[in-house]
Amino acid sequence: MILLDTHVLVWLEQEPRKLSRPAEAAIRHARSSSTLAVSAITIVELGALLNRGRLRSTETTAATIHRYLEQIAVLPLTEAIGMESSYMPVDMLPDPMDRIIAATARAEGIPLVTAHQRV
């Protein structure tokens, strides 16, 4: 299982050419041998992107989010993930959503596919 950062999920759906070769390989391998996953907070981020017009769709917000999550496991926000995110330096990852996603990968012990250099 690998965890996809929100922007990686969006690129996978809309702009796969933005994915690096290592990211493509990790995703291809995970699809064939295990599972792709996202944090539950990714649903919040997708909704915000759609509501602000940064992500465009002709479908409803709910339908678009469901389409993005087809064949993707959604990992819940747990107490352990919340605690793990509180240990991350805010100056390293100022966005709380990014801290939760990184904390999810750490708490679950799975690799995170992200373009963020600081993670």
PDB file of N, CA and C in Angstrom:
ATOM      1  N   MET A   1       0.852  -1.180   0.000  1.00  0.00           N
ATOM      2  CA  MET A   1       0.000   0.000   0.000  1.00  0.00           C
ATOM      3  C   MET A   1       0.893   1.237   0.000  1.00  0.00           C
ATOM      4  N   ILE A   2       0.487   2.218  -0.811  1.00  0.00           N
ATOM      5  CA  ILE A   2       1.143   3.525  -0.777  1.00  0.00           C
ATOM      6  C   ILE A   2       0.082   4.592  -0.586  1.00  0.00           C
ATOM      7  N   LEU A   3       0.508   5.690   0.023  1.00  0.00           N
ATOM      8  CA  LEU A   3      -0.395   6.809   0.274  1.00  0.00           C
ATOM      9  C   LEU A   3      -0.118   7.896  -0.750  1.00  0.00           C
ATOM     10  N   LEU A   4      -1.164   8.383  -1.390  1.00  0.00           N
ATOM     11  CA  LEU A   4      -1.034   9.458  -2.363  1.00  0.00           C
ATOM     12  C   LEU A   4      -1.377  10.787  -1.714  1.00  0.00           C
ATOM     13  N   ASP A   5      -0.512  11.775  -1.904  1.00  0.00           N
ATOM     14  CA  ASP A   5      -0.837  13.129  -1.491  1.00  0.00           C
ATOM     15  C   ASP A   5      -1.957  13.618  -2.406  1.00  0.00           C
ATOM     16  N   THR A   6      -2.705  14.598  -1.965  1.00  0.00           N
ATOM     17  CA  THR A   6      -3.870  15.070  -2.722  1.00  0.00           C
ATOM     18  C   THR A   6      -3.488  15.504  -4.127  1.00  0.00           C
ATOM     19  N   HIS A   7      -2.407  16.276  -4.255  1.00  0.00           N
ATOM     20  CA  HIS A   7      -2.029  16.747  -5.596  1.00  0.00           C
ATOM     21  C   HIS A   7      -1.637  15.580  -6.500  1.00  0.00           C
ATOM     22  N   VAL A   8      -1.071  14.526  -5.948  1.00  0.00           N
ATOM     23  CA  VAL A   8      -0.717  13.352  -6.746  1.00  0.00           C
ATOM     24  C   VAL A   8      -1.983  12.665  -7.245  1.00  0.00           C
ATOM     25  N   LEU A   9      -2.998  12.557  -6.400  1.00  0.00           N
ATOM     26  CA  LEU A   9      -4.277  11.982  -6.817  1.00  0.00           C
ATOM     27  C   LEU A   9      -4.885  12.805  -7.954  1.00  0.00           C
ATOM     28  N   VAL A  10      -4.840  14.125  -7.825  1.00  0.00           N
ATOM     29  CA  VAL A  10      -5.377  15.007  -8.873  1.00  0.00           C
ATOM     30  C   VAL A  10      -4.581  14.832 -10.160  1.00  0.00           C
ATOM     31  N   TRP A  11      -3.263  14.815 -10.072  1.00  0.00           N
ATOM     32  CA  TRP A  11      -2.437  14.622 -11.274  1.00  0.00           C
ATOM     33  C   TRP A  11      -2.725  13.276 -11.916  1.00  0.00           C
ATOM     34  N   LEU A  12      -2.872  12.244 -11.104  1.00  0.00           N
ATOM     35  CA  LEU A  12      -3.159  10.916 -11.616  1.00  0.00           C
ATOM     36  C   LEU A  12      -4.457  10.919 -12.432  1.00  0.00           C
ATOM     37  N   GLU A  13      -5.423  11.670 -11.968  1.00  0.00           N
ATOM     38  CA  GLU A  13      -6.734  11.747 -12.636  1.00  0.00           C
ATOM     39  C   GLU A  13      -6.720  12.695 -13.828  1.00  0.00           C
ATOM     40  N   GLN A  14      -6.076  13.856 -13.682  1.00  0.00           N
ATOM     41  CA  GLN A  14      -6.196  14.905 -14.701  1.00  0.00           C
ATOM     42  C   GLN A  14      -4.944  15.170 -15.525  1.00  0.00           C
ATOM     43  N   GLU A  15      -3.779  15.045 -14.917  1.00  0.00           N
ATOM     44  CA  GLU A  15      -2.548  15.412 -15.606  1.00  0.00           C
ATOM     45  C   GLU A  15      -1.424  14.413 -15.289  1.00  0.00           C
ATOM     46  N   PRO A  16      -1.562  13.164 -15.734  1.00  0.00           N
ATOM     47  CA  PRO A  16      -0.575  12.151 -15.365  1.00  0.00           C
ATOM     48  C   PRO A  16       0.844  12.487 -15.818  1.00  0.00           C
ATOM     49  N   ARG A  17       1.002  13.345 -16.814  1.00  0.00           N
ATOM     50  CA  ARG A  17       2.350  13.707 -17.272  1.00  0.00           C
ATOM     51  C   ARG A  17       3.134  14.478 -16.213  1.00  0.00           C
ATOM     52  N   LYS A  18       2.440  15.031 -15.213  1.00  0.00           N
ATOM     53  CA  LYS A  18       3.118  15.751 -14.131  1.00  0.00           C
ATOM     54  C   LYS A  18       3.783  14.806 -13.126  1.00  0.00           C
ATOM     55  N   LEU A  19       3.407  13.541 -13.159  1.00  0.00           N
ATOM     56  CA  LEU A  19       3.985  12.575 -12.228  1.00  0.00           C
ATOM     57  C   LEU A  19       5.425  12.257 -12.640  1.00  0.00           C
ATOM     58  N   SER A  20       6.295  12.186 -11.658  1.00  0.00           N
ATOM     59  CA  SER A  20       7.674  11.795 -11.933  1.00  0.00           C
ATOM     60  C   SER A  20       7.714  10.314 -12.301  1.00  0.00           C
ATOM     61  N   ARG A  21       8.812   9.896 -12.899  1.00  0.00           N
ATOM     62  CA  ARG A  21       8.947   8.474 -13.240  1.00  0.00           C
ATOM     63  C   ARG A  21       8.909   7.584 -12.000  1.00  0.00           C
ATOM     64  N   PRO A  22       9.607   7.974 -10.909  1.00  0.00           N
ATOM     65  CA  PRO A  22       9.508   7.135  -9.700  1.00  0.00           C
ATOM     66  C   PRO A  22       8.075   7.066  -9.156  1.00  0.00           C
ATOM     67  N   ALA A  23       7.344   8.180  -9.222  1.00  0.00           N
ATOM     68  CA  ALA A  23       5.950   8.178  -8.749  1.00  0.00           C
ATOM     69  C   ALA A  23       5.099   7.270  -9.621  1.00  0.00           C
ATOM     70  N   GLU A  24       5.268   7.371 -10.932  1.00  0.00           N
ATOM     71  CA  GLU A  24       4.527   6.500 -11.846  1.00  0.00           C
ATOM     72  C   GLU A  24       4.805   5.033 -11.545  1.00  0.00           C
ATOM     73  N   ALA A  25       6.078   4.709 -11.348  1.00  0.00           N
ATOM     74  CA  ALA A  25       6.462   3.319 -11.081  1.00  0.00           C
ATOM     75  C   ALA A  25       5.861   2.829  -9.764  1.00  0.00           C
ATOM     76  N   ALA A  26       5.918   3.662  -8.727  1.00  0.00           N
ATOM     77  CA  ALA A  26       5.358   3.268  -7.424  1.00  0.00           C
ATOM     78  C   ALA A  26       3.848   3.046  -7.529  1.00  0.00           C
ATOM     79  N   ILE A  27       3.170   3.914  -8.247  1.00  0.00           N
ATOM     80  CA  ILE A  27       1.717   3.792  -8.411  1.00  0.00           C
ATOM     81  C   ILE A  27       1.380   2.539  -9.216  1.00  0.00           C
ATOM     82  N   ARG A  28       2.106   2.327 -10.302  1.00  0.00           N
ATOM     83  CA  ARG A  28       1.868   1.140 -11.137  1.00  0.00           C
ATOM     84  C   ARG A  28       2.096  -0.140 -10.316  1.00  0.00           C
ATOM     85  N   HIS A  29       3.166  -0.166  -9.541  1.00  0.00           N
ATOM     86  CA  HIS A  29       3.460  -1.341  -8.714  1.00  0.00           C
ATOM     87  C   HIS A  29       2.378  -1.549  -7.651  1.00  0.00           C
ATOM     88  N   ALA A  30       1.968  -0.473  -6.995  1.00  0.00           N
ATOM     89  CA  ALA A  30       0.938  -0.585  -5.949  1.00  0.00           C
ATOM     90  C   ALA A  30      -0.390  -1.053  -6.534  1.00  0.00           C
ATOM     91  N   ARG A  31      -0.724  -0.572  -7.711  1.00  0.00           N
ATOM     92  CA  ARG A  31      -1.978  -1.004  -8.346  1.00  0.00           C
ATOM     93  C   ARG A  31      -1.958  -2.491  -8.670  1.00  0.00           C
ATOM     94  N   SER A  32      -0.804  -3.011  -9.050  1.00  0.00           N
ATOM     95  CA  SER A  32      -0.740  -4.416  -9.455  1.00  0.00           C
ATOM     96  C   SER A  32      -0.573  -5.369  -8.280  1.00  0.00           C
ATOM     97  N   SER A  33       0.030  -4.884  -7.190  1.00  0.00           N
ATOM     98  CA  SER A  33       0.326  -5.813  -6.096  1.00  0.00           C
ATOM     99  C   SER A  33      -0.360  -5.480  -4.781  1.00  0.00           C
ATOM    100  N   SER A  34      -0.866  -4.291  -4.644  1.00  0.00           N
ATOM    101  CA  SER A  34      -1.514  -3.951  -3.378  1.00  0.00           C
ATOM    102  C   SER A  34      -2.556  -2.862  -3.604  1.00  0.00           C
ATOM    103  N   THR A  35      -2.469  -1.793  -2.837  1.00  0.00           N
ATOM    104  CA  THR A  35      -3.528  -0.799  -2.839  1.00  0.00           C
ATOM    105  C   THR A  35      -2.977   0.611  -2.878  1.00  0.00           C
ATOM    106  N   LEU A  36      -3.701   1.486  -3.542  1.00  0.00           N
ATOM    107  CA  LEU A  36      -3.470   2.921  -3.448  1.00  0.00           C
ATOM    108  C   LEU A  36      -4.383   3.448  -2.357  1.00  0.00           C
ATOM    109  N   ALA A  37      -3.890   4.400  -1.578  1.00  0.00           N
ATOM    110  CA  ALA A  37      -4.694   4.946  -0.489  1.00  0.00           C
ATOM    111  C   ALA A  37      -4.509   6.456  -0.417  1.00  0.00           C
ATOM    112  N   VAL A  38      -5.468   7.101   0.210  1.00  0.00           N
ATOM    113  CA  VAL A  38      -5.390   8.529   0.545  1.00  0.00           C
ATOM    114  C   VAL A  38      -5.866   8.688   1.981  1.00  0.00           C
ATOM    115  N   SER A  39      -5.476   9.794   2.567  1.00  0.00           N
ATOM    116  CA  SER A  39      -5.983  10.155   3.884  1.00  0.00           C
ATOM    117  C   SER A  39      -7.411  10.680   3.741  1.00  0.00           C
ATOM    118  N   ALA A  40      -8.210  10.510   4.751  1.00  0.00           N
ATOM    119  CA  ALA A  40      -9.573  11.061   4.735  1.00  0.00           C
ATOM    120  C   ALA A  40      -9.547  12.575   4.541  1.00  0.00           C
ATOM    121  N   ILE A  41      -8.475  13.232   4.959  1.00  0.00           N
ATOM    122  CA  ILE A  41      -8.378  14.684   4.811  1.00  0.00           C
ATOM    123  C   ILE A  41      -8.312  15.078   3.337  1.00  0.00           C
ATOM    124  N   THR A  42      -7.920  14.143   2.475  1.00  0.00           N
ATOM    125  CA  THR A  42      -7.902  14.410   1.034  1.00  0.00           C
ATOM    126  C   THR A  42      -9.297  14.725   0.522  1.00  0.00           C
ATOM    127  N   ILE A  43     -10.309  14.119   1.112  1.00  0.00           N
ATOM    128  CA  ILE A  43     -11.694  14.423   0.708  1.00  0.00           C
ATOM    129  C   ILE A  43     -11.997  15.890   0.976  1.00  0.00           C
ATOM    130  N   VAL A  44     -11.566  16.389   2.123  1.00  0.00           N
ATOM    131  CA  VAL A  44     -11.760  17.806   2.470  1.00  0.00           C
ATOM    132  C   VAL A  44     -11.017  18.686   1.477  1.00  0.00           C
ATOM    133  N   GLU A  45      -9.774  18.305   1.160  1.00  0.00           N
ATOM    134  CA  GLU A  45      -8.992  19.107   0.208  1.00  0.00           C
ATOM    135  C   GLU A  45      -9.617  19.103  -1.185  1.00  0.00           C
ATOM    136  N   LEU A  46     -10.088  17.953  -1.644  1.00  0.00           N
ATOM    137  CA  LEU A  46     -10.736  17.900  -2.955  1.00  0.00           C
ATOM    138  C   LEU A  46     -11.975  18.787  -2.988  1.00  0.00           C
ATOM    139  N   GLY A  47     -12.781  18.725  -1.932  1.00  0.00           N
ATOM    140  CA  GLY A  47     -13.971  19.576  -1.860  1.00  0.00           C
ATOM    141  C   GLY A  47     -13.610  21.045  -1.906  1.00  0.00           C
ATOM    142  N   ALA A  48     -12.566  21.440  -1.183  1.00  0.00           N
ATOM    143  CA  ALA A  48     -12.135  22.841  -1.181  1.00  0.00           C
ATOM    144  C   ALA A  48     -11.642  23.253  -2.560  1.00  0.00           C
ATOM    145  N   LEU A  49     -10.883  22.402  -3.226  1.00  0.00           N
ATOM    146  CA  LEU A  49     -10.389  22.718  -4.570  1.00  0.00           C
ATOM    147  C   LEU A  49     -11.545  22.888  -5.550  1.00  0.00           C
ATOM    148  N   LEU A  50     -12.531  22.030  -5.444  1.00  0.00           N
ATOM    149  CA  LEU A  50     -13.702  22.135  -6.319  1.00  0.00           C
ATOM    150  C   LEU A  50     -14.515  23.392  -6.011  1.00  0.00           C
ATOM    151  N   ASN A  51     -14.720  23.670  -4.736  1.00  0.00           N
ATOM    152  CA  ASN A  51     -15.524  24.828  -4.343  1.00  0.00           C
ATOM    153  C   ASN A  51     -14.859  26.154  -4.704  1.00  0.00           C
ATOM    154  N   ARG A  52     -13.520  26.179  -4.694  1.00  0.00           N
ATOM    155  CA  ARG A  52     -12.788  27.406  -5.060  1.00  0.00           C
ATOM    156  C   ARG A  52     -12.541  27.511  -6.557  1.00  0.00           C
ATOM    157  N   GLY A  53     -12.927  26.501  -7.310  1.00  0.00           N
ATOM    158  CA  GLY A  53     -12.735  26.522  -8.748  1.00  0.00           C
ATOM    159  C   GLY A  53     -11.323  26.167  -9.199  1.00  0.00           C
ATOM    160  N   ARG A  54     -10.487  25.693  -8.288  1.00  0.00           N
ATOM    161  CA  ARG A  54      -9.121  25.302  -8.662  1.00  0.00           C
ATOM    162  C   ARG A  54      -9.101  23.932  -9.321  1.00  0.00           C
ATOM    163  N   LEU A  55     -10.153  23.174  -9.099  1.00  0.00           N
ATOM    164  CA  LEU A  55     -10.386  21.909  -9.788  1.00  0.00           C
ATOM    165  C   LEU A  55     -11.727  22.058 -10.479  1.00  0.00           C
ATOM    166  N   ARG A  56     -11.769  21.757 -11.752  1.00  0.00           N
ATOM    167  CA  ARG A  56     -13.019  21.929 -12.493  1.00  0.00           C
ATOM    168  C   ARG A  56     -13.638  20.569 -12.826  1.00  0.00           C
ATOM    169  N   SER A  57     -14.973  20.561 -12.786  1.00  0.00           N
ATOM    170  CA  SER A  57     -15.701  19.347 -13.116  1.00  0.00           C
ATOM    171  C   SER A  57     -17.109  19.726 -13.547  1.00  0.00           C
ATOM    172  N   THR A  58     -17.671  18.931 -14.439  1.00  0.00           N
ATOM    173  CA  THR A  58     -19.066  19.153 -14.851  1.00  0.00           C
ATOM    174  C   THR A  58     -20.021  18.401 -13.944  1.00  0.00           C
ATOM    175  N   GLU A  59     -19.470  17.575 -13.054  1.00  0.00           N
ATOM    176  CA  GLU A  59     -20.282  16.793 -12.119  1.00  0.00           C
ATOM    177  C   GLU A  59     -20.469  17.573 -10.818  1.00  0.00           C
ATOM    178  N   THR A  60     -21.306  17.047  -9.954  1.00  0.00           N
ATOM    179  CA  THR A  60     -21.433  17.625  -8.617  1.00  0.00           C
ATOM    180  C   THR A  60     -20.129  17.380  -7.847  1.00  0.00           C
ATOM    181  N   THR A  61     -19.954  18.126  -6.780  1.00  0.00           N
ATOM    182  CA  THR A  61     -18.766  17.940  -5.950  1.00  0.00           C
ATOM    183  C   THR A  61     -18.677  16.502  -5.460  1.00  0.00           C
ATOM    184  N   ALA A  62     -19.781  15.977  -4.944  1.00  0.00           N
ATOM    185  CA  ALA A  62     -19.795  14.612  -4.421  1.00  0.00           C
ATOM    186  C   ALA A  62     -19.466  13.594  -5.511  1.00  0.00           C
ATOM    187  N   ALA A  63     -20.051  13.752  -6.683  1.00  0.00           N
ATOM    188  CA  ALA A  63     -19.798  12.811  -7.782  1.00  0.00           C
ATOM    189  C   ALA A  63     -18.332  12.859  -8.215  1.00  0.00           C
ATOM    190  N   THR A  64     -17.775  14.049  -8.250  1.00  0.00           N
ATOM    191  CA  THR A  64     -16.364  14.190  -8.638  1.00  0.00           C
ATOM    192  C   THR A  64     -15.460  13.516  -7.620  1.00  0.00           C
ATOM    193  N   ILE A  65     -15.716  13.760  -6.347  1.00  0.00           N
ATOM    194  CA  ILE A  65     -14.901  13.148  -5.302  1.00  0.00           C
ATOM    195  C   ILE A  65     -15.028  11.627  -5.357  1.00  0.00           C
ATOM    196  N   HIS A  66     -16.239  11.116  -5.538  1.00  0.00           N
ATOM    197  CA  HIS A  66     -16.428   9.661  -5.645  1.00  0.00           C
ATOM    198  C   HIS A  66     -15.649   9.101  -6.838  1.00  0.00           C
ATOM    199  N   ARG A  67     -15.631   9.821  -7.953  1.00  0.00           N
ATOM    200  CA  ARG A  67     -14.894   9.365  -9.125  1.00  0.00           C
ATOM    201  C   ARG A  67     -13.393   9.306  -8.832  1.00  0.00           C
ATOM    202  N   TYR A  68     -12.870  10.346  -8.161  1.00  0.00           N
ATOM    203  CA  TYR A  68     -11.441  10.361  -7.811  1.00  0.00           C
ATOM    204  C   TYR A  68     -11.076   9.201  -6.881  1.00  0.00           C
ATOM    205  N   LEU A  69     -12.008   8.789  -6.061  1.00  0.00           N
ATOM    206  CA  LEU A  69     -11.720   7.770  -5.049  1.00  0.00           C
ATOM    207  C   LEU A  69     -12.035   6.340  -5.492  1.00  0.00           C
ATOM    208  N   GLU A  70     -12.446   6.176  -6.766  1.00  0.00           N
ATOM    209  CA  GLU A  70     -12.699   4.826  -7.263  1.00  0.00           C
ATOM    210  C   GLU A  70     -11.422   4.013  -7.154  1.00  0.00           C
ATOM    211  N   GLN A  71     -11.507   2.853  -6.582  1.00  0.00           N
ATOM    212  CA  GLN A  71     -10.387   1.927  -6.408  1.00  0.00           C
ATOM    213  C   GLN A  71      -9.256   2.513  -5.559  1.00  0.00           C
ATOM    214  N   ILE A  72      -9.585   3.457  -4.685  1.00  0.00           N
ATOM    215  CA  ILE A  72      -8.629   4.061  -3.756  1.00  0.00           C
ATOM    216  C   ILE A  72      -9.152   3.826  -2.341  1.00  0.00           C
ATOM    217  N   ALA A  73      -8.311   3.315  -1.467  1.00  0.00           N
ATOM    218  CA  ALA A  73      -8.696   3.148  -0.064  1.00  0.00           C
ATOM    219  C   ALA A  73      -8.588   4.496   0.641  1.00  0.00           C
ATOM    220  N   VAL A  74      -9.551   4.798   1.491  1.00  0.00           N
ATOM    221  CA  VAL A  74      -9.523   6.033   2.277  1.00  0.00           C
ATOM    222  C   VAL A  74      -9.202   5.654   3.716  1.00  0.00           C
ATOM    223  N   LEU A  75      -8.047   6.143   4.189  1.00  0.00           N
ATOM    224  CA  LEU A  75      -7.615   5.843   5.551  1.00  0.00           C
ATOM    225  C   LEU A  75      -8.179   6.889   6.504  1.00  0.00           C
ATOM    226  N   PRO A  76      -8.786   6.459   7.596  1.00  0.00           N
ATOM    227  CA  PRO A  76      -9.414   7.403   8.523  1.00  0.00           C
ATOM    228  C   PRO A  76      -8.385   8.219   9.303  1.00  0.00           C
ATOM    229  N   LEU A  77      -8.826   9.358   9.785  1.00  0.00           N
ATOM    230  CA  LEU A  77      -8.019  10.173  10.683  1.00  0.00           C
ATOM    231  C   LEU A  77      -8.196   9.593  12.075  1.00  0.00           C
ATOM    232  N   THR A  78      -7.120   9.065  12.628  1.00  0.00           N
ATOM    233  CA  THR A  78      -7.174   8.412  13.932  1.00  0.00           C
ATOM    234  C   THR A  78      -6.477   9.265  14.985  1.00  0.00           C
ATOM    235  N   GLU A  79      -6.634   8.873  16.221  1.00  0.00           N
ATOM    236  CA  GLU A  79      -5.939   9.552  17.318  1.00  0.00           C
ATOM    237  C   GLU A  79      -4.427   9.492  17.099  1.00  0.00           C
ATOM    238  N   ALA A  80      -3.918   8.344  16.674  1.00  0.00           N
ATOM    239  CA  ALA A  80      -2.472   8.191  16.445  1.00  0.00           C
ATOM    240  C   ALA A  80      -1.988   9.145  15.354  1.00  0.00           C
ATOM    241  N   ILE A  81      -2.777   9.305  14.318  1.00  0.00           N
ATOM    242  CA  ILE A  81      -2.407  10.223  13.232  1.00  0.00           C
ATOM    243  C   ILE A  81      -2.442  11.661  13.730  1.00  0.00           C
ATOM    244  N   GLY A  82      -3.463  12.006  14.490  1.00  0.00           N
ATOM    245  CA  GLY A  82      -3.536  13.346  15.079  1.00  0.00           C
ATOM    246  C   GLY A  82      -2.341  13.645  15.954  1.00  0.00           C
ATOM    247  N   MET A  83      -1.948  12.678  16.773  1.00  0.00           N
ATOM    248  CA  MET A  83      -0.779  12.864  17.639  1.00  0.00           C
ATOM    249  C   MET A  83       0.487  12.998  16.807  1.00  0.00           C
ATOM    250  N   GLU A  84       0.644  12.143  15.818  1.00  0.00           N
ATOM    251  CA  GLU A  84       1.836  12.183  14.953  1.00  0.00           C
ATOM    252  C   GLU A  84       1.937  13.540  14.248  1.00  0.00           C
ATOM    253  N   SER A  85       0.807  14.068  13.783  1.00  0.00           N
ATOM    254  CA  SER A  85       0.841  15.367  13.084  1.00  0.00           C
ATOM    255  C   SER A  85       1.242  16.491  14.031  1.00  0.00           C
ATOM    256  N   SER A  86       0.950  16.344  15.316  1.00  0.00           N
ATOM    257  CA  SER A  86       1.296  17.397  16.275  1.00  0.00           C
ATOM    258  C   SER A  86       2.795  17.456  16.547  1.00  0.00           C
ATOM    259  N   TYR A  87       3.528  16.390  16.216  1.00  0.00           N
ATOM    260  CA  TYR A  87       4.975  16.364  16.416  1.00  0.00           C
ATOM    261  C   TYR A  87       5.740  16.989  15.253  1.00  0.00           C
ATOM    262  N   MET A  88       5.064  17.206  14.142  1.00  0.00           N
ATOM    263  CA  MET A  88       5.747  17.726  12.959  1.00  0.00           C
ATOM    264  C   MET A  88       5.930  19.233  13.079  1.00  0.00           C
ATOM    265  N   PRO A  89       7.136  19.714  12.782  1.00  0.00           N
ATOM    266  CA  PRO A  89       7.383  21.153  12.886  1.00  0.00           C
ATOM    267  C   PRO A  89       6.530  21.945  11.894  1.00  0.00           C
ATOM    268  N   VAL A  90       5.874  22.958  12.399  1.00  0.00           N
ATOM    269  CA  VAL A  90       5.005  23.784  11.560  1.00  0.00           C
ATOM    270  C   VAL A  90       5.820  24.500  10.486  1.00  0.00           C
ATOM    271  N   ASP A  91       7.063  24.869  10.795  1.00  0.00           N
ATOM    272  CA  ASP A  91       7.868  25.552   9.783  1.00  0.00           C
ATOM    273  C   ASP A  91       8.259  24.611   8.643  1.00  0.00           C
ATOM    274  N   MET A  92       8.281  23.310   8.896  1.00  0.00           N
ATOM    275  CA  MET A  92       8.564  22.338   7.846  1.00  0.00           C
ATOM    276  C   MET A  92       7.348  22.137   6.943  1.00  0.00           C
ATOM    277  N   LEU A  93       6.194  22.004   7.565  1.00  0.00           N
ATOM    278  CA  LEU A  93       4.930  21.809   6.838  1.00  0.00           C
ATOM    279  C   LEU A  93       3.880  22.732   7.444  1.00  0.00           C
ATOM    280  N   PRO A  94       3.773  23.960   6.945  1.00  0.00           N
ATOM    281  CA  PRO A  94       2.834  24.913   7.546  1.00  0.00           C
ATOM    282  C   PRO A  94       1.355  24.548   7.355  1.00  0.00           C
ATOM    283  N   ASP A  95       1.032  23.823   6.284  1.00  0.00           N
ATOM    284  CA  ASP A  95      -0.362  23.464   6.009  1.00  0.00           C
ATOM    285  C   ASP A  95      -0.761  22.263   6.869  1.00  0.00           C
ATOM    286  N   PRO A  96      -1.775  22.432   7.743  1.00  0.00           N
ATOM    287  CA  PRO A  96      -2.180  21.316   8.597  1.00  0.00           C
ATOM    288  C   PRO A  96      -2.649  20.090   7.809  1.00  0.00           C
ATOM    289  N   MET A  97      -3.212  20.302   6.632  1.00  0.00           N
ATOM    290  CA  MET A  97      -3.643  19.165   5.807  1.00  0.00           C
ATOM    291  C   MET A  97      -2.424  18.338   5.387  1.00  0.00           C
ATOM    292  N   ASP A  98      -1.343  19.017   4.990  1.00  0.00           N
ATOM    293  CA  ASP A  98      -0.120  18.311   4.611  1.00  0.00           C
ATOM    294  C   ASP A  98       0.469  17.550   5.792  1.00  0.00           C
ATOM    295  N   ARG A  99       0.415  18.158   6.978  1.00  0.00           N
ATOM    296  CA  ARG A  99       0.923  17.467   8.164  1.00  0.00           C
ATOM    297  C   ARG A  99       0.108  16.208   8.449  1.00  0.00           C
ATOM    298  N   ILE A 100      -1.201  16.279   8.269  1.00  0.00           N
ATOM    299  CA  ILE A 100      -2.058  15.106   8.509  1.00  0.00           C
ATOM    300  C   ILE A 100      -1.755  14.009   7.496  1.00  0.00           C
ATOM    301  N   ILE A 101      -1.552  14.383   6.245  1.00  0.00           N
ATOM    302  CA  ILE A 101      -1.247  13.385   5.220  1.00  0.00           C
ATOM    303  C   ILE A 101       0.103  12.722   5.521  1.00  0.00           C
ATOM    304  N   ALA A 102       1.117  13.525   5.833  1.00  0.00           N
ATOM    305  CA  ALA A 102       2.430  12.962   6.173  1.00  0.00           C
ATOM    306  C   ALA A 102       2.348  12.101   7.432  1.00  0.00           C
ATOM    307  N   ALA A 103       1.577  12.559   8.404  1.00  0.00           N
ATOM    308  CA  ALA A 103       1.410  11.794   9.645  1.00  0.00           C
ATOM    309  C   ALA A 103       0.683  10.474   9.385  1.00  0.00           C
ATOM    310  N   THR A 104      -0.228  10.462   8.450  1.00  0.00           N
ATOM    311  CA  THR A 104      -0.935   9.227   8.097  1.00  0.00           C
ATOM    312  C   THR A 104       0.057   8.193   7.571  1.00  0.00           C
ATOM    313  N   ALA A 105       0.930   8.630   6.682  1.00  0.00           N
ATOM    314  CA  ALA A 105       1.935   7.710   6.138  1.00  0.00           C
ATOM    315  C   ALA A 105       2.839   7.178   7.247  1.00  0.00           C
ATOM    316  N   ARG A 106       3.271   8.066   8.136  1.00  0.00           N
ATOM    317  CA  ARG A 106       4.157   7.631   9.228  1.00  0.00           C
ATOM    318  C   ARG A 106       3.440   6.692  10.191  1.00  0.00           C
ATOM    319  N   ALA A 107       2.225   7.059  10.586  1.00  0.00           N
ATOM    320  CA  ALA A 107       1.483   6.237  11.548  1.00  0.00           C
ATOM    321  C   ALA A 107       1.136   4.866  10.973  1.00  0.00           C
ATOM    322  N   GLU A 108       0.854   4.826   9.678  1.00  0.00           N
ATOM    323  CA  GLU A 108       0.492   3.560   9.036  1.00  0.00           C
ATOM    324  C   GLU A 108       1.720   2.784   8.561  1.00  0.00           C
ATOM    325  N   GLY A 109       2.898   3.441   8.572  1.00  0.00           N
ATOM    326  CA  GLY A 109       4.124   2.779   8.128  1.00  0.00           C
ATOM    327  C   GLY A 109       4.142   2.477   6.645  1.00  0.00           C
ATOM    328  N   ILE A 110       3.591   3.406   5.844  1.00  0.00           N
ATOM    329  CA  ILE A 110       3.539   3.194   4.396  1.00  0.00           C
ATOM    330  C   ILE A 110       4.206   4.370   3.677  1.00  0.00           C
ATOM    331  N   PRO A 111       4.705   4.131   2.468  1.00  0.00           N
ATOM    332  CA  PRO A 111       5.330   5.219   1.712  1.00  0.00           C
ATOM    333  C   PRO A 111       4.301   6.260   1.268  1.00  0.00           C
ATOM    334  N   LEU A 112       4.755   7.493   1.177  1.00  0.00           N
ATOM    335  CA  LEU A 112       3.933   8.611   0.716  1.00  0.00           C
ATOM    336  C   LEU A 112       4.474   9.086  -0.622  1.00  0.00           C
ATOM    337  N   VAL A 113       3.600   9.181  -1.616  1.00  0.00           N
ATOM    338  CA  VAL A 113       3.969   9.738  -2.908  1.00  0.00           C
ATOM    339  C   VAL A 113       3.524  11.189  -2.911  1.00  0.00           C
ATOM    340  N   THR A 114       4.509  12.100  -2.958  1.00  0.00           N
ATOM    341  CA  THR A 114       4.244  13.529  -2.902  1.00  0.00           C
ATOM    342  C   THR A 114       5.316  14.285  -3.681  1.00  0.00           C
ATOM    343  N   ALA A 115       4.989  15.471  -4.100  1.00  0.00           N
ATOM    344  CA  ALA A 115       5.972  16.337  -4.749  1.00  0.00           C
ATOM    345  C   ALA A 115       6.608  17.293  -3.751  1.00  0.00           C
ATOM    346  N   HIS A 116       6.109  17.305  -2.520  1.00  0.00           N
ATOM    347  CA  HIS A 116       6.659  18.203  -1.507  1.00  0.00           C
ATOM    348  C   HIS A 116       8.078  17.782  -1.140  1.00  0.00           C
ATOM    349  N   GLN A 117       9.015  18.676  -1.324  1.00  0.00           N
ATOM    350  CA  GLN A 117      10.420  18.382  -1.072  1.00  0.00           C
ATOM    351  C   GLN A 117      10.704  18.206   0.421  1.00  0.00           C
ATOM    352  N   ARG A 118       9.961  18.880   1.267  1.00  0.00           N
ATOM    353  CA  ARG A 118      10.244  18.862   2.702  1.00  0.00           C
ATOM    354  C   ARG A 118       9.728  17.626   3.427  1.00  0.00           C
ATOM    355  N   VAL A 119       8.910  16.847   2.758  1.00  0.00           N
ATOM    356  CA  VAL A 119       8.301  15.692   3.437  1.00  0.00           C
ATOM    357  C   VAL A 119       9.234  14.501   3.380  1.00  0.00           C
TER     358      VAL A 119
END
